[in-house]
């Protein structure tokens, strides 16, 4: 069933979203958040991004045996994601960094995600609730954000040979 909103509600929503994004952008640039250098050994992902993505990875991938309690699998996935992002356009880098800044910035993290503490302190239930909240949001921007996170993390995970065995994928054809 489509959501019907009045013209007035749409204008209020647009104004509210514009103010929020402006506040986030100004706060992120003043705090140096969006201009941070990549983490050591990474080309695109920053230290703050690594913590967030490491926490989201198990929720996105699910109970995969190769990922369960395997810190090296999570690290390999984040490195694969970084390599993939490095091969993408600067516009994609900017969009992904803005999404990760939005999720990492305490000013926006709590109200938008329901996770008020640092991501590393969030329970699996809080993370699942955040992903469901964004997936089912009436706001297209949030639905696109969770879709991007799911696609990026899934793409990185299933590019790794350790993820293939459980899916029955034998790997790429040998030449």
Protein backbone atom coordinates (compact mmCIF):
# COMPACT_ATOMS: atom_id res chain seq x y z
CA UNK A 1 0.00 0.00 0.00
CA UNK A 2 1.61 3.29 -1.02
CA UNK A 3 2.21 5.95 1.58
CA UNK A 4 0.20 9.10 0.89
CA UNK A 5 1.42 12.38 2.31
CA UNK A 6 0.10 15.84 1.74
CA UNK A 7 2.02 18.58 -0.02
CA UNK A 8 2.49 20.38 3.32
CA UNK A 9 3.91 17.22 4.94
CA UNK A 10 6.25 16.74 2.00
CA UNK A 11 7.53 20.32 2.30
CA UNK A 12 8.05 19.88 6.05
CA UNK A 13 9.89 16.64 5.43
CA UNK A 14 12.09 18.25 2.80
CA UNK A 15 12.91 21.18 5.06
CA UNK A 16 13.64 18.89 8.00
CA UNK A 17 15.88 16.65 5.89
CA UNK A 18 17.73 19.66 4.48
CA UNK A 19 18.34 21.08 7.96
CA UNK A 20 19.50 17.71 9.26
CA UNK A 21 21.90 17.11 6.38
CA UNK A 22 23.25 20.65 6.62
CA UNK A 23 23.83 20.23 10.36
CA UNK A 24 25.54 16.89 9.82
CA UNK A 25 27.73 18.25 7.06
CA UNK A 26 28.80 21.30 9.04
CA UNK A 27 29.38 19.28 12.21
CA UNK A 28 31.34 16.61 10.35
CA UNK A 29 33.55 19.13 8.62
CA UNK A 30 34.16 21.10 11.82
CA UNK A 31 35.05 17.93 13.71
CA UNK A 32 37.28 16.74 10.87
CA UNK A 33 35.18 13.60 10.58
CA UNK A 34 34.68 13.55 6.84
CA UNK A 35 38.26 14.55 6.05
CA UNK A 36 39.93 11.86 8.18
CA UNK A 37 42.68 9.86 6.56
CA UNK A 38 42.24 6.16 5.78
CA UNK A 39 43.13 3.72 8.54
CA UNK A 40 46.64 2.25 8.53
CA UNK A 41 46.87 -0.31 5.74
CA UNK A 42 43.63 0.84 4.09
CA UNK A 43 43.04 3.00 1.04
CA UNK A 44 39.52 4.35 1.71
CA UNK A 45 38.08 3.13 5.01
CA UNK A 46 38.85 5.14 8.13
CA UNK A 47 39.33 3.92 11.71
CA UNK A 48 35.81 4.94 12.68
CA UNK A 49 34.41 3.12 9.64
CA UNK A 50 36.17 -0.12 10.55
CA UNK A 51 34.56 -0.30 13.99
CA UNK A 52 31.08 0.35 12.61
CA UNK A 53 31.41 -2.09 9.70
CA UNK A 54 32.89 -4.84 11.89
CA UNK A 55 29.82 -4.60 14.15
CA UNK A 56 27.37 -4.57 11.22
CA UNK A 57 29.02 -7.44 9.32
CA UNK A 58 27.65 -10.37 11.39
CA UNK A 59 24.14 -8.85 11.35
CA UNK A 60 24.23 -8.45 7.56
CA UNK A 61 25.84 -11.80 6.71
CA UNK A 62 24.07 -13.85 9.36
CA UNK A 63 25.28 -17.02 11.06
CA UNK A 64 27.85 -18.12 8.49
CA UNK A 65 30.24 -20.74 9.95
CA UNK A 66 33.31 -19.14 8.39
CA UNK A 67 32.46 -15.80 10.01
CA UNK A 68 31.41 -16.99 13.46
CA UNK A 69 33.98 -15.98 16.10
CA UNK A 70 36.62 -15.49 13.42
CA UNK A 71 38.24 -12.08 13.71
CA UNK A 72 40.49 -12.71 10.70
CA UNK A 73 37.40 -13.32 8.51
CA UNK A 74 35.97 -9.96 9.52
CA UNK A 75 39.32 -8.28 8.85
CA UNK A 76 39.61 -9.98 5.45
CA UNK A 77 36.09 -8.79 4.59
CA UNK A 78 36.87 -5.19 5.53
CA UNK A 79 40.08 -5.30 3.50
CA UNK A 80 38.15 -6.68 0.53
CA UNK A 81 35.57 -3.92 0.92
CA UNK A 82 38.35 -1.34 1.02
CA UNK A 83 39.89 -2.74 -2.19
CA UNK A 84 36.48 -2.66 -3.88
CA UNK A 85 35.82 0.92 -2.77
CA UNK A 86 39.27 1.99 -3.95
CA UNK A 87 38.38 0.71 -7.43
CA UNK A 88 35.14 2.73 -7.51
CA UNK A 89 34.65 6.34 -8.53
CA UNK A 90 35.37 9.30 -6.22
CA UNK A 91 31.62 10.03 -6.20
CA UNK A 92 30.95 6.58 -4.70
CA UNK A 93 33.74 7.18 -2.11
CA UNK A 94 32.08 10.44 -1.14
CA UNK A 95 28.62 8.90 -0.82
CA UNK A 96 29.86 5.95 1.24
CA UNK A 97 31.93 8.22 3.51
CA UNK A 98 28.93 10.51 4.05
CA UNK A 99 26.75 7.53 4.98
CA UNK A 100 29.39 6.22 7.39
CA UNK A 101 29.88 9.72 8.86
CA UNK A 102 26.13 9.95 9.43
CA UNK A 103 26.18 6.62 11.27
CA UNK A 104 29.31 7.41 13.29
CA UNK A 105 28.54 10.97 14.36
CA UNK A 106 26.96 10.84 17.86
CA UNK A 107 24.69 13.80 17.01
CA UNK A 108 22.97 11.80 14.27
CA UNK A 109 23.66 8.19 15.26
CA UNK A 110 21.24 8.12 18.19
CA UNK A 111 18.20 9.77 16.62
CA UNK A 112 18.57 8.05 13.25
CA UNK A 113 19.57 4.56 14.37
CA UNK A 114 18.38 4.15 17.95
CA UNK A 115 21.95 3.25 18.93
CA UNK A 116 22.96 5.94 21.42
CA UNK A 117 26.29 4.48 22.55
CA UNK A 118 29.34 3.71 20.42
CA UNK A 119 28.73 0.99 17.83
CA UNK A 120 31.19 -1.33 19.57
CA UNK A 121 28.92 -1.25 22.68
CA UNK A 122 25.71 -1.95 20.77
CA UNK A 123 23.98 -5.26 21.36
CA UNK A 124 23.09 -7.57 18.46
CA UNK A 125 19.44 -6.72 19.17
CA UNK A 126 20.09 -3.00 18.81
CA UNK A 127 21.94 -3.55 15.54
CA UNK A 128 19.16 -5.75 14.16
CA UNK A 129 16.57 -3.17 15.24
CA UNK A 130 18.53 -0.42 13.45
CA UNK A 131 18.75 -2.43 10.22
CA UNK A 132 15.05 -3.29 10.35
CA UNK A 133 14.13 0.31 11.21
CA UNK A 134 15.98 1.62 8.15
CA UNK A 135 14.81 -1.22 5.90
CA UNK A 136 11.17 -0.54 6.75
CA UNK A 137 11.45 3.26 6.94
CA UNK A 138 9.01 5.43 5.04
CA UNK A 139 11.98 7.58 4.05
CA UNK A 140 13.66 6.49 0.85
CA UNK A 141 17.02 7.89 1.96
CA UNK A 142 17.16 5.51 4.94
CA UNK A 143 16.04 2.54 2.85
CA UNK A 144 18.76 3.34 0.32
CA UNK A 145 21.32 3.65 3.13
CA UNK A 146 20.62 0.21 4.57
CA UNK A 147 20.51 -1.27 1.09
CA UNK A 148 23.94 0.20 0.36
CA UNK A 149 25.36 -1.19 3.62
CA UNK A 150 23.91 -4.63 2.87
CA UNK A 151 25.22 -4.65 -0.68
CA UNK A 152 28.70 -3.42 0.23
CA UNK A 153 29.20 -5.87 3.09
CA UNK A 154 27.67 -8.80 1.20
CA UNK A 155 29.75 -8.04 -1.89
CA UNK A 156 32.94 -7.96 0.16
CA UNK A 157 32.11 -11.13 2.12
CA UNK A 158 31.10 -13.26 -0.86
CA UNK A 159 34.16 -12.17 -2.82
CA UNK A 160 36.27 -14.15 -0.34
CA UNK A 161 36.98 -17.86 -0.92
CA UNK A 162 36.23 -18.66 2.75
CA UNK A 163 32.58 -17.72 2.14
CA UNK A 164 32.12 -19.98 -0.86
CA UNK A 165 32.08 -23.48 0.71
CA UNK A 166 28.79 -23.03 2.59
CA UNK A 167 27.05 -21.72 -0.51
CA UNK A 168 28.28 -24.53 -2.75
CA UNK A 169 30.06 -22.10 -5.05
CA UNK A 170 33.23 -23.78 -6.36
CA UNK A 171 34.88 -20.47 -7.23
CA UNK A 172 35.56 -18.79 -10.55
CA UNK A 173 36.40 -20.95 -13.55
CA UNK A 174 40.05 -21.89 -13.79
CA UNK A 175 41.70 -20.77 -16.99
